[in-house]
Every structure is written in C-alpha cells, then in structure tokens.
PDB file of N, CA and C in Angstrom:
ATOM      1  N   UNK A   1     -41.068 250.899  70.505  1.00  0.00           N
ATOM      2  CA  UNK A   1     -39.793 250.739  69.856  1.00  0.00           C
ATOM      3  C   UNK A   1     -39.725 249.417  69.128  1.00  0.00           C
ATOM      4  N   UNK A   2     -38.866 249.372  68.253  1.00  0.00           N
ATOM      5  CA  UNK A   2     -38.678 248.184  67.445  1.00  0.00           C
ATOM      6  C   UNK A   2     -37.829 247.176  68.222  1.00  0.00           C
ATOM      7  N   UNK A   3     -38.352 245.962  68.461  1.00  0.00           N
ATOM      8  CA  UNK A   3     -37.653 244.923  69.219  1.00  0.00           C
ATOM      9  C   UNK A   3     -36.356 244.515  68.521  1.00  0.00           C
ATOM     10  N   UNK A   4     -36.372 244.435  67.231  1.00  0.00           N
ATOM     11  CA  UNK A   4     -35.188 244.032  66.477  1.00  0.00           C
ATOM     12  C   UNK A   4     -34.100 245.105  66.600  1.00  0.00           C
ATOM     13  N   UNK A   5     -34.498 246.362  66.706  1.00  0.00           N
ATOM     14  CA  UNK A   5     -33.556 247.468  66.829  1.00  0.00           C
ATOM     15  C   UNK A   5     -32.789 247.397  68.157  1.00  0.00           C
ATOM     16  N   UNK A   6     -33.434 246.930  69.219  1.00  0.00           N
ATOM     17  CA  UNK A   6     -32.791 246.851  70.520  1.00  0.00           C
ATOM     18  C   UNK A   6     -31.901 245.621  70.676  1.00  0.00           C
ATOM     19  N   UNK A   7     -32.080 244.604  69.883  1.00  0.00           N
ATOM     20  CA  UNK A   7     -31.313 243.371  70.001  1.00  0.00           C
ATOM     21  C   UNK A   7     -30.235 243.274  68.922  1.00  0.00           C
ATOM     22  N   UNK A   8     -29.498 244.333  68.788  1.00  0.00           N
ATOM     23  CA  UNK A   8     -28.438 244.345  67.778  1.00  0.00           C
ATOM     24  C   UNK A   8     -27.167 243.683  68.281  1.00  0.00           C
ATOM     25  N   UNK A   9     -27.102 243.380  69.529  1.00  0.00           N
ATOM     26  CA  UNK A   9     -25.882 242.766  70.078  1.00  0.00           C
ATOM     27  C   UNK A   9     -24.760 243.792  70.146  1.00  0.00           C
ATOM     28  N   UNK A  10     -23.620 243.418  69.677  1.00  0.00           N
ATOM     29  CA  UNK A  10     -22.436 244.259  69.750  1.00  0.00           C
ATOM     30  C   UNK A  10     -22.382 245.304  68.647  1.00  0.00           C
ATOM     31  N   UNK A  11     -23.296 245.302  67.742  1.00  0.00           N
ATOM     32  CA  UNK A  11     -23.288 246.245  66.635  1.00  0.00           C
ATOM     33  C   UNK A  11     -23.455 247.688  67.102  1.00  0.00           C
ATOM     34  N   UNK A  12     -24.004 247.879  68.267  1.00  0.00           N
ATOM     35  CA  UNK A  12     -24.179 249.216  68.791  1.00  0.00           C
ATOM     36  C   UNK A  12     -22.833 249.921  68.955  1.00  0.00           C
ATOM     37  N   UNK A  13     -21.787 249.171  69.332  1.00  0.00           N
ATOM     38  CA  UNK A  13     -20.467 249.745  69.573  1.00  0.00           C
ATOM     39  C   UNK A  13     -19.496 249.506  68.418  1.00  0.00           C
ATOM     40  N   UNK A  14     -19.957 248.979  67.351  1.00  0.00           N
ATOM     41  CA  UNK A  14     -19.094 248.643  66.222  1.00  0.00           C
ATOM     42  C   UNK A  14     -18.379 249.860  65.652  1.00  0.00           C
ATOM     43  N   UNK A  15     -19.014 251.004  65.656  1.00  0.00           N
ATOM     44  CA  UNK A  15     -18.395 252.199  65.069  1.00  0.00           C
ATOM     45  C   UNK A  15     -17.264 252.749  65.927  1.00  0.00           C
ATOM     46  N   UNK A  16     -17.166 252.356  67.192  1.00  0.00           N
ATOM     47  CA  UNK A  16     -16.106 252.879  68.052  1.00  0.00           C
ATOM     48  C   UNK A  16     -14.848 252.013  68.028  1.00  0.00           C
ATOM     49  N   UNK A  17     -14.773 251.086  67.118  1.00  0.00           N
ATOM     50  CA  UNK A  17     -13.624 250.196  67.050  1.00  0.00           C
ATOM     51  C   UNK A  17     -12.491 250.740  66.193  1.00  0.00           C
ATOM     52  N   UNK A  18     -12.594 251.928  65.720  1.00  0.00           N
ATOM     53  CA  UNK A  18     -11.506 252.405  64.866  1.00  0.00           C
ATOM     54  C   UNK A  18     -10.295 252.773  65.713  1.00  0.00           C
ATOM     55  N   UNK A  19      -9.138 252.651  65.118  1.00  0.00           N
ATOM     56  CA  UNK A  19      -7.880 252.863  65.805  1.00  0.00           C
ATOM     57  C   UNK A  19      -7.072 253.829  64.955  1.00  0.00           C
ATOM     58  N   UNK A  20      -6.944 255.044  65.405  1.00  0.00           N
ATOM     59  CA  UNK A  20      -6.236 256.062  64.638  1.00  0.00           C
ATOM     60  C   UNK A  20      -4.727 255.856  64.744  1.00  0.00           C
ATOM     61  N   UNK A  21      -3.981 256.284  63.739  1.00  0.00           N
ATOM     62  CA  UNK A  21      -2.520 256.177  63.814  1.00  0.00           C
ATOM     63  C   UNK A  21      -1.942 256.893  65.041  1.00  0.00           C
ATOM     64  N   UNK A  22      -2.581 257.970  65.449  1.00  0.00           N
ATOM     65  CA  UNK A  22      -2.125 258.698  66.634  1.00  0.00           C
ATOM     66  C   UNK A  22      -2.276 257.850  67.892  1.00  0.00           C
ATOM     67  N   UNK A  23      -3.349 257.049  67.938  1.00  0.00           N
ATOM     68  CA  UNK A  23      -3.559 256.153  69.068  1.00  0.00           C
ATOM     69  C   UNK A  23      -2.467 255.080  69.114  1.00  0.00           C
ATOM     70  N   UNK A  24      -2.178 254.525  67.950  1.00  0.00           N
ATOM     71  CA  UNK A  24      -1.167 253.482  67.867  1.00  0.00           C
ATOM     72  C   UNK A  24       0.194 254.023  68.298  1.00  0.00           C
ATOM     73  N   UNK A  25       0.551 255.209  67.821  1.00  0.00           N
ATOM     74  CA  UNK A  25       1.833 255.799  68.187  1.00  0.00           C
ATOM     75  C   UNK A  25       1.894 256.106  69.682  1.00  0.00           C
ATOM     76  N   UNK A  26       0.798 256.602  70.240  1.00  0.00           N
ATOM     77  CA  UNK A  26       0.761 256.888  71.673  1.00  0.00           C
ATOM     78  C   UNK A  26       0.935 255.611  72.499  1.00  0.00           C
ATOM     79  N   UNK A  27       0.324 254.515  72.056  1.00  0.00           N
ATOM     80  CA  UNK A  27       0.479 253.241  72.762  1.00  0.00           C
ATOM     81  C   UNK A  27       1.913 252.720  72.680  1.00  0.00           C
ATOM     82  N   UNK A  28       2.543 252.858  71.520  1.00  0.00           N
ATOM     83  CA  UNK A  28       3.930 252.422  71.371  1.00  0.00           C
ATOM     84  C   UNK A  28       4.868 253.251  72.249  1.00  0.00           C
ATOM     85  N   UNK A  29       4.632 254.553  72.302  1.00  0.00           N
ATOM     86  CA  UNK A  29       5.435 255.418  73.173  1.00  0.00           C
ATOM     87  C   UNK A  29       5.251 255.045  74.641  1.00  0.00           C
ATOM     88  N   UNK A  30       4.036 254.717  75.007  1.00  0.00           N
ATOM     89  CA  UNK A  30       3.746 254.327  76.380  1.00  0.00           C
ATOM     90  C   UNK A  30       4.470 253.024  76.745  1.00  0.00           C
ATOM     91  N   UNK A  31       4.495 252.069  75.809  1.00  0.00           N
ATOM     92  CA  UNK A  31       5.207 250.818  76.044  1.00  0.00           C
ATOM     93  C   UNK A  31       6.697 251.069  76.250  1.00  0.00           C
ATOM     94  N   UNK A  32       7.267 251.971  75.447  1.00  0.00           N
ATOM     95  CA  UNK A  32       8.681 252.314  75.594  1.00  0.00           C
ATOM     96  C   UNK A  32       8.945 252.977  76.941  1.00  0.00           C
ATOM     97  N   UNK A  33       8.040 253.847  77.371  1.00  0.00           N
ATOM     98  CA  UNK A  33       8.190 254.525  78.659  1.00  0.00           C
ATOM     99  C   UNK A  33       8.181 253.519  79.810  1.00  0.00           C
ATOM    100  N   UNK A  34       7.376 252.483  79.697  1.00  0.00           N
ATOM    101  CA  UNK A  34       7.297 251.475  80.749  1.00  0.00           C
ATOM    102  C   UNK A  34       8.560 250.617  80.838  1.00  0.00           C
ATOM    103  N   UNK A  35       9.328 250.527  79.749  1.00  0.00           N
ATOM    104  CA  UNK A  35      10.551 249.736  79.731  1.00  0.00           C
ATOM    105  C   UNK A  35      11.729 250.468  80.370  1.00  0.00           C
ATOM    106  N   UNK A  36      11.612 251.764  80.561  1.00  0.00           N
ATOM    107  CA  UNK A  36      12.722 252.550  81.094  1.00  0.00           C
ATOM    108  C   UNK A  36      13.043 252.154  82.530  1.00  0.00           C
ATOM    109  N   UNK A  37      14.334 252.262  82.859  1.00  0.00           N
ATOM    110  CA  UNK A  37      14.811 251.947  84.203  1.00  0.00           C
ATOM    111  C   UNK A  37      15.441 253.191  84.826  1.00  0.00           C
ATOM    112  N   UNK A  38      15.553 253.166  86.129  1.00  0.00           N
ATOM    113  CA  UNK A  38      16.150 254.296  86.840  1.00  0.00           C
ATOM    114  C   UNK A  38      17.666 254.290  86.697  1.00  0.00           C
ATOM    115  N   UNK A  39      18.241 255.459  86.891  1.00  0.00           N
ATOM    116  CA  UNK A  39      19.685 255.618  86.860  1.00  0.00           C
ATOM    117  C   UNK A  39      20.304 254.821  88.014  1.00  0.00           C
ATOM    118  N   UNK A  40      21.376 254.064  87.738  1.00  0.00           N
ATOM    119  CA  UNK A  40      21.968 253.244  88.805  1.00  0.00           C
ATOM    120  C   UNK A  40      22.710 254.095  89.832  1.00  0.00           C
ATOM    121  N   UNK A  41      22.667 253.646  91.069  1.00  0.00           N
ATOM    122  CA  UNK A  41      23.429 254.294  92.142  1.00  0.00           C
ATOM    123  C   UNK A  41      24.427 253.272  92.662  1.00  0.00           C
ATOM    124  N   UNK A  42      25.707 253.556  92.430  1.00  0.00           N
ATOM    125  CA  UNK A  42      26.753 252.626  92.826  1.00  0.00           C
ATOM    126  C   UNK A  42      27.278 252.983  94.206  1.00  0.00           C
ATOM    127  N   UNK A  43      27.627 251.950  94.968  1.00  0.00           N
ATOM    128  CA  UNK A  43      28.217 252.219  96.278  1.00  0.00           C
ATOM    129  C   UNK A  43      29.727 252.442  96.117  1.00  0.00           C
ATOM    130  N   UNK A  44      30.376 252.750  97.203  1.00  0.00           N
ATOM    131  CA  UNK A  44      31.793 253.117  97.192  1.00  0.00           C
ATOM    132  C   UNK A  44      32.683 251.994  96.670  1.00  0.00           C
ATOM    133  N   UNK A  45      32.384 250.747  97.047  1.00  0.00           N
ATOM    134  CA  UNK A  45      33.199 249.611  96.617  1.00  0.00           C
ATOM    135  C   UNK A  45      33.091 249.400  95.104  1.00  0.00           C
ATOM    136  N   UNK A  46      31.895 249.492  94.570  1.00  0.00           N
ATOM    137  CA  UNK A  46      31.714 249.328  93.123  1.00  0.00           C
ATOM    138  C   UNK A  46      32.447 250.428  92.359  1.00  0.00           C
ATOM    139  N   UNK A  47      32.392 251.660  92.866  1.00  0.00           N
ATOM    140  CA  UNK A  47      33.105 252.757  92.216  1.00  0.00           C
ATOM    141  C   UNK A  47      34.619 252.536  92.243  1.00  0.00           C
ATOM    142  N   UNK A  48      35.132 251.985  93.331  1.00  0.00           N
ATOM    143  CA  UNK A  48      36.567 251.702  93.409  1.00  0.00           C
ATOM    144  C   UNK A  48      36.972 250.628  92.403  1.00  0.00           C
ATOM    145  N   UNK A  49      36.163 249.580  92.269  1.00  0.00           N
ATOM    146  CA  UNK A  49      36.461 248.518  91.305  1.00  0.00           C
ATOM    147  C   UNK A  49      36.439 249.063  89.878  1.00  0.00           C
ATOM    148  N   UNK A  50      35.446 249.881  89.578  1.00  0.00           N
ATOM    149  CA  UNK A  50      35.368 250.503  88.253  1.00  0.00           C
ATOM    150  C   UNK A  50      36.583 251.395  88.033  1.00  0.00           C
ATOM    151  N   UNK A  51      36.962 252.149  89.065  1.00  0.00           N
ATOM    152  CA  UNK A  51      38.114 253.041  88.956  1.00  0.00           C
ATOM    153  C   UNK A  51      39.404 252.297  88.636  1.00  0.00           C
ATOM    154  N   UNK A  52      39.616 251.130  89.252  1.00  0.00           N
ATOM    155  CA  UNK A  52      40.822 250.342  88.977  1.00  0.00           C
ATOM    156  C   UNK A  52      40.862 249.857  87.530  1.00  0.00           C
ATOM    157  N   UNK A  53      39.738 249.391  87.034  1.00  0.00           N
ATOM    158  CA  UNK A  53      39.680 248.902  85.650  1.00  0.00           C
ATOM    159  C   UNK A  53      39.872 250.061  84.675  1.00  0.00           C
ATOM    160  N   UNK A  54      39.277 251.206  84.975  1.00  0.00           N
ATOM    161  CA  UNK A  54      39.430 252.390  84.121  1.00  0.00           C
ATOM    162  C   UNK A  54      40.894 252.829  84.088  1.00  0.00           C
ATOM    163  N   UNK A  55      41.568 252.841  85.224  1.00  0.00           N
ATOM    164  CA  UNK A  55      42.987 253.226  85.256  1.00  0.00           C
ATOM    165  C   UNK A  55      43.862 252.242  84.488  1.00  0.00           C
ATOM    166  N   UNK A  56      43.562 250.935  84.589  1.00  0.00           N
ATOM    167  CA  UNK A  56      44.306 249.938  83.803  1.00  0.00           C
ATOM    168  C   UNK A  56      44.151 250.204  82.311  1.00  0.00           C
ATOM    169  N   UNK A  57      42.928 250.479  81.891  1.00  0.00           N
ATOM    170  CA  UNK A  57      42.678 250.744  80.477  1.00  0.00           C
ATOM    171  C   UNK A  57      43.373 252.026  80.036  1.00  0.00           C
ATOM    172  N   UNK A  58      43.378 253.018  80.901  1.00  0.00           N
ATOM    173  CA  UNK A  58      44.008 254.297  80.586  1.00  0.00           C
ATOM    174  C   UNK A  58      45.522 254.147  80.465  1.00  0.00           C
ATOM    175  N   UNK A  59      46.144 253.411  81.384  1.00  0.00           N
ATOM    176  CA  UNK A  59      47.601 253.250  81.392  1.00  0.00           C
ATOM    177  C   UNK A  59      48.098 252.312  80.302  1.00  0.00           C
ATOM    178  N   UNK A  60      47.439 251.163  80.161  1.00  0.00           N
ATOM    179  CA  UNK A  60      47.945 250.102  79.290  1.00  0.00           C
ATOM    180  C   UNK A  60      47.174 249.955  77.981  1.00  0.00           C
ATOM    181  N   UNK A  61      46.265 250.873  77.717  1.00  0.00           N
ATOM    182  CA  UNK A  61      45.437 250.853  76.499  1.00  0.00           C
ATOM    183  C   UNK A  61      44.761 249.497  76.289  1.00  0.00           C
ATOM    184  N   UNK A  62      44.060 249.048  77.309  1.00  0.00           N
ATOM    185  CA  UNK A  62      43.313 247.795  77.247  1.00  0.00           C
ATOM    186  C   UNK A  62      41.868 248.073  76.871  1.00  0.00           C
ATOM    187  N   UNK A  63      41.279 247.167  76.104  1.00  0.00           N
ATOM    188  CA  UNK A  63      39.866 247.304  75.749  1.00  0.00           C
ATOM    189  C   UNK A  63      38.988 246.928  76.946  1.00  0.00           C
ATOM    190  N   UNK A  64      37.939 247.713  77.127  1.00  0.00           N
ATOM    191  CA  UNK A  64      36.970 247.451  78.191  1.00  0.00           C
ATOM    192  C   UNK A  64      35.559 247.513  77.610  1.00  0.00           C
ATOM    193  N   UNK A  65      34.663 246.791  78.271  1.00  0.00           N
ATOM    194  CA  UNK A  65      33.240 246.862  77.906  1.00  0.00           C
ATOM    195  C   UNK A  65      32.547 247.684  78.984  1.00  0.00           C
ATOM    196  N   UNK A  66      31.942 248.789  78.556  1.00  0.00           N
ATOM    197  CA  UNK A  66      31.304 249.718  79.480  1.00  0.00           C
ATOM    198  C   UNK A  66      29.795 249.607  79.332  1.00  0.00           C
ATOM    199  N   UNK A  67      29.128 249.385  80.445  1.00  0.00           N
ATOM    200  CA  UNK A  67      27.665 249.398  80.479  1.00  0.00           C
ATOM    201  C   UNK A  67      27.263 250.664  81.218  1.00  0.00           C
ATOM    202  N   UNK A  68      26.457 251.484  80.549  1.00  0.00           N
ATOM    203  CA  UNK A  68      26.077 252.763  81.136  1.00  0.00           C
ATOM    204  C   UNK A  68      24.600 253.048  80.895  1.00  0.00           C
ATOM    205  N   UNK A  69      24.066 253.978  81.674  1.00  0.00           N
ATOM    206  CA  UNK A  69      22.662 254.368  81.595  1.00  0.00           C
ATOM    207  C   UNK A  69      22.540 255.616  80.734  1.00  0.00           C
ATOM    208  N   UNK A  70      21.566 255.616  79.831  1.00  0.00           N
ATOM    209  CA  UNK A  70      21.319 256.780  78.987  1.00  0.00           C
ATOM    210  C   UNK A  70      19.835 256.869  78.682  1.00  0.00           C
ATOM    211  N   UNK A  71      19.214 257.931  79.143  1.00  0.00           N
ATOM    212  CA  UNK A  71      17.804 258.231  78.869  1.00  0.00           C
ATOM    213  C   UNK A  71      16.869 257.063  79.200  1.00  0.00           C
ATOM    214  N   UNK A  72      17.129 256.394  80.296  1.00  0.00           N
ATOM    215  CA  UNK A  72      16.235 255.343  80.758  1.00  0.00           C
ATOM    216  C   UNK A  72      16.594 253.931  80.336  1.00  0.00           C
ATOM    217  N   UNK A  73      17.636 253.769  79.541  1.00  0.00           N
ATOM    218  CA  UNK A  73      18.023 252.448  79.056  1.00  0.00           C
ATOM    219  C   UNK A  73      19.511 252.219  79.287  1.00  0.00           C
ATOM    220  N   UNK A  74      19.902 250.952  79.418  1.00  0.00           N
ATOM    221  CA  UNK A  74      21.311 250.610  79.535  1.00  0.00           C
ATOM    222  C   UNK A  74      21.879 250.357  78.147  1.00  0.00           C
ATOM    223  N   UNK A  75      23.049 250.905  77.906  1.00  0.00           N
ATOM    224  CA  UNK A  75      23.731 250.757  76.624  1.00  0.00           C
ATOM    225  C   UNK A  75      25.136 250.220  76.895  1.00  0.00           C
ATOM    226  N   UNK A  76      25.769 249.651  75.867  1.00  0.00           N
ATOM    227  CA  UNK A  76      27.116 249.101  76.012  1.00  0.00           C
ATOM    228  C   UNK A  76      28.043 249.667  74.952  1.00  0.00           C
ATOM    229  N   UNK A  77      29.287 249.867  75.346  1.00  0.00           N
ATOM    230  CA  UNK A  77      30.347 250.307  74.436  1.00  0.00           C
ATOM    231  C   UNK A  77      31.573 249.446  74.678  1.00  0.00           C
ATOM    232  N   UNK A  78      32.338 249.236  73.637  1.00  0.00           N
ATOM    233  CA  UNK A  78      33.617 248.558  73.769  1.00  0.00           C
ATOM    234  C   UNK A  78      34.668 249.503  73.206  1.00  0.00           C
ATOM    235  N   UNK A  79      35.673 249.788  74.015  1.00  0.00           N
ATOM    236  CA  UNK A  79      36.714 250.707  73.585  1.00  0.00           C
ATOM    237  C   UNK A  79      37.814 250.819  74.612  1.00  0.00           C
ATOM    238  N   UNK A  80      38.670 251.823  74.416  1.00  0.00           N
ATOM    239  CA  UNK A  80      39.795 252.087  75.304  1.00  0.00           C
ATOM    240  C   UNK A  80      39.549 253.428  75.984  1.00  0.00           C
ATOM    241  N   UNK A  81      39.785 253.482  77.292  1.00  0.00           N
ATOM    242  CA  UNK A  81      39.628 254.732  78.024  1.00  0.00           C
ATOM    243  C   UNK A  81      40.749 255.668  77.582  1.00  0.00           C
ATOM    244  N   UNK A  82      40.387 256.843  77.103  1.00  0.00           N
ATOM    245  CA  UNK A  82      41.351 257.804  76.593  1.00  0.00           C
ATOM    246  C   UNK A  82      41.659 258.894  77.612  1.00  0.00           C
ATOM    247  N   UNK A  83      40.656 259.257  78.425  1.00  0.00           N
ATOM    248  CA  UNK A  83      40.848 260.339  79.385  1.00  0.00           C
ATOM    249  C   UNK A  83      39.794 260.246  80.482  1.00  0.00           C
ATOM    250  N   UNK A  84      40.171 260.630  81.693  1.00  0.00           N
ATOM    251  CA  UNK A  84      39.230 260.745  82.805  1.00  0.00           C
ATOM    252  C   UNK A  84      39.216 262.212  83.204  1.00  0.00           C
ATOM    253  N   UNK A  85      38.091 262.874  83.016  1.00  0.00           N
ATOM    254  CA  UNK A  85      37.947 264.295  83.327  1.00  0.00           C
ATOM    255  C   UNK A  85      37.199 264.416  84.655  1.00  0.00           C
ATOM    256  N   UNK A  86      37.957 264.693  85.732  1.00  0.00           N
ATOM    257  CA  UNK A  86      37.342 264.760  87.053  1.00  0.00           C
ATOM    258  C   UNK A  86      36.559 266.049  87.263  1.00  0.00           C
ATOM    259  N   UNK A  87      36.921 267.112  86.557  1.00  0.00           N
ATOM    260  CA  UNK A  87      36.171 268.363  86.691  1.00  0.00           C
ATOM    261  C   UNK A  87      34.763 268.234  86.140  1.00  0.00           C
ATOM    262  N   UNK A  88      34.654 267.670  84.940  1.00  0.00           N
ATOM    263  CA  UNK A  88      33.345 267.500  84.306  1.00  0.00           C
ATOM    264  C   UNK A  88      32.698 266.170  84.677  1.00  0.00           C
ATOM    265  N   UNK A  89      33.412 265.341  85.445  1.00  0.00           N
ATOM    266  CA  UNK A  89      32.922 264.037  85.912  1.00  0.00           C
ATOM    267  C   UNK A  89      32.460 263.157  84.762  1.00  0.00           C
ATOM    268  N   UNK A  90      33.370 262.935  83.824  1.00  0.00           N
ATOM    269  CA  UNK A  90      33.070 262.071  82.682  1.00  0.00           C
ATOM    270  C   UNK A  90      34.352 261.405  82.209  1.00  0.00           C
ATOM    271  N   UNK A  91      34.179 260.331  81.446  1.00  0.00           N
ATOM    272  CA  UNK A  91      35.323 259.647  80.858  1.00  0.00           C
ATOM    273  C   UNK A  91      35.197 259.694  79.338  1.00  0.00           C
ATOM    274  N   UNK A  92      36.339 259.690  78.692  1.00  0.00           N
ATOM    275  CA  UNK A  92      36.394 259.735  77.232  1.00  0.00           C
ATOM    276  C   UNK A  92      36.819 258.360  76.743  1.00  0.00           C
ATOM    277  N   UNK A  93      36.028 257.787  75.840  1.00  0.00           N
ATOM    278  CA  UNK A  93      36.288 256.439  75.324  1.00  0.00           C
ATOM    279  C   UNK A  93      36.633 256.532  73.844  1.00  0.00           C
ATOM    280  N   UNK A  94      37.691 255.820  73.473  1.00  0.00           N
ATOM    281  CA  UNK A  94      38.104 255.765  72.069  1.00  0.00           C
ATOM    282  C   UNK A  94      37.666 254.421  71.500  1.00  0.00           C
ATOM    283  N   UNK A  95      36.850 254.503  70.438  1.00  0.00           N
ATOM    284  CA  UNK A  95      36.383 253.298  69.751  1.00  0.00           C
ATOM    285  C   UNK A  95      36.783 253.425  68.284  1.00  0.00           C
ATOM    286  N   UNK A  96      37.726 252.625  67.843  1.00  0.00           N
ATOM    287  CA  UNK A  96      38.244 252.655  66.477  1.00  0.00           C
ATOM    288  C   UNK A  96      38.439 254.094  65.992  1.00  0.00           C
ATOM    289  N   UNK A  97      37.490 254.626  65.229  1.00  0.00           N
ATOM    290  CA  UNK A  97      37.617 255.978  64.668  1.00  0.00           C
ATOM    291  C   UNK A  97      36.817 257.014  65.450  1.00  0.00           C
ATOM    292  N   UNK A  98      36.019 256.590  66.387  1.00  0.00           N
ATOM    293  CA  UNK A  98      35.118 257.499  67.093  1.00  0.00           C
ATOM    294  C   UNK A  98      35.575 257.738  68.527  1.00  0.00           C
ATOM    295  N   UNK A  99      35.063 258.839  69.096  1.00  0.00           N
ATOM    296  CA  UNK A  99      35.258 259.151  70.505  1.00  0.00           C
ATOM    297  C   UNK A  99      33.891 259.391  71.119  1.00  0.00           C
ATOM    298  N   UNK A 100      33.748 259.041  72.392  1.00  0.00           N
ATOM    299  CA  UNK A 100      32.479 259.269  73.081  1.00  0.00           C
ATOM    300  C   UNK A 100      32.765 259.632  74.531  1.00  0.00           C
ATOM    301  N   UNK A 101      31.878 260.416  75.108  1.00  0.00           N
ATOM    302  CA  UNK A 101      31.992 260.802  76.508  1.00  0.00           C
ATOM    303  C   UNK A 101      30.837 260.186  77.286  1.00  0.00           C
ATOM    304  N   UNK A 102      31.138 259.681  78.487  1.00  0.00           N
ATOM    305  CA  UNK A 102      30.104 259.109  79.352  1.00  0.00           C
ATOM    306  C   UNK A 102      30.281 259.714  80.742  1.00  0.00           C
ATOM    307  N   UNK A 103      29.175 260.176  81.312  1.00  0.00           N
ATOM    308  CA  UNK A 103      29.209 260.727  82.662  1.00  0.00           C
ATOM    309  C   UNK A 103      29.524 259.610  83.657  1.00  0.00           C
ATOM    310  N   UNK A 104      30.356 259.904  84.618  1.00  0.00           N
ATOM    311  CA  UNK A 104      30.768 258.895  85.604  1.00  0.00           C
ATOM    312  C   UNK A 104      29.575 258.403  86.417  1.00  0.00           C
ATOM    313  N   UNK A 105      28.637 259.303  86.725  1.00  0.00           N
ATOM    314  CA  UNK A 105      27.490 258.878  87.537  1.00  0.00           C
ATOM    315  C   UNK A 105      26.470 258.051  86.758  1.00  0.00           C
ATOM    316  N   UNK A 106      26.682 257.881  85.446  1.00  0.00           N
ATOM    317  CA  UNK A 106      25.795 257.039  84.637  1.00  0.00           C
ATOM    318  C   UNK A 106      26.361 255.630  84.422  1.00  0.00           C
ATOM    319  N   UNK A 107      27.573 255.370  84.902  1.00  0.00           N
ATOM    320  CA  UNK A 107      28.183 254.063  84.719  1.00  0.00           C
ATOM    321  C   UNK A 107      27.468 253.002  85.545  1.00  0.00           C
ATOM    322  N   UNK A 108      27.303 251.850  84.948  1.00  0.00           N
ATOM    323  CA  UNK A 108      26.770 250.700  85.672  1.00  0.00           C
ATOM    324  C   UNK A 108      27.880 249.696  85.947  1.00  0.00           C
ATOM    325  N   UNK A 109      28.680 249.417  84.902  1.00  0.00           N
ATOM    326  CA  UNK A 109      29.804 248.503  85.088  1.00  0.00           C
ATOM    327  C   UNK A 109      30.861 248.736  84.011  1.00  0.00           C
ATOM    328  N   UNK A 110      32.082 248.380  84.334  1.00  0.00           N
ATOM    329  CA  UNK A 110      33.202 248.417  83.391  1.00  0.00           C
ATOM    330  C   UNK A 110      33.924 247.082  83.553  1.00  0.00           C
ATOM    331  N   UNK A 111      34.024 246.330  82.469  1.00  0.00           N
ATOM    332  CA  UNK A 111      34.652 244.998  82.516  1.00  0.00           C
ATOM    333  C   UNK A 111      35.830 244.928  81.547  1.00  0.00           C
ATOM    334  N   UNK A 112      36.875 244.225  81.960  1.00  0.00           N
ATOM    335  CA  UNK A 112      38.038 244.005  81.066  1.00  0.00           C
ATOM    336  C   UNK A 112      37.625 243.059  79.937  1.00  0.00           C
ATOM    337  N   UNK A 113      38.165 243.328  78.767  1.00  0.00           N
ATOM    338  CA  UNK A 113      37.939 242.428  77.632  1.00  0.00           C
ATOM    339  C   UNK A 113      39.128 241.470  77.553  1.00  0.00           C
ATOM    340  N   UNK A 114      38.850 240.222  77.308  1.00  0.00           N
ATOM    341  CA  UNK A 114      39.913 239.204  77.227  1.00  0.00           C
ATOM    342  C   UNK A 114      40.421 239.108  75.825  1.00  0.00           C
TER     343      UNK A 114
END
C-alpha cells in the first residue's frame, strides 16, 4: 500500500462533514423539546388564592396578569376575567378587543395589576 495514502490525517472523514437542512431542523426541534416544562400541579392553598384574585377581577373588572402552561411552555396574559366556567373548567379573559379561554388546571399564577 501507499504510505502517503494511509497518512491522510483527518481527510479520510472530510466527506462526512456535510450538514443537511433536515439535520439542522431536527436539531432545532430537539432543542425546543428540551426546553419544555411539565404542567404545574397546584395545591389547595394556591388554588384558593388564585380563586380569590379571579373573583375580584370578575366582580370589580380589575386587570390581572395570568401565567399559564400551554404545550410545554409558560405564557402570560394581561386582561380582565370575564367568566368562570366550572362545567368546562376554564376561565374567559377579556383583553382589549380579544377574548381567550384558559383551562383552570393549566394556571400557574394569577396576580393583581397595580
């Protein structure tokens, strides 16, 4: 065999360094998957505190900041509680011109806005 042919160094693997767009997208998706968090489980006391703030917002039309879980990530909304639907276990939030529904079991926190 040719001695020079065997001492190519890293050139032997040089052709395997290509990175397809599909590989890049798969890696980005994997990074996003690793950032996801589990759905929060609130104890009875936390649910009672959230319930009091929600009722205040419902009665007196006060703005609240809601932190909730959605598809592995925490999101925030600022608005007024418009309705509490105990049958469907969700709350309806009014934000300027929009309305949104959030499941009660996805809530992380509800804070009064000053």
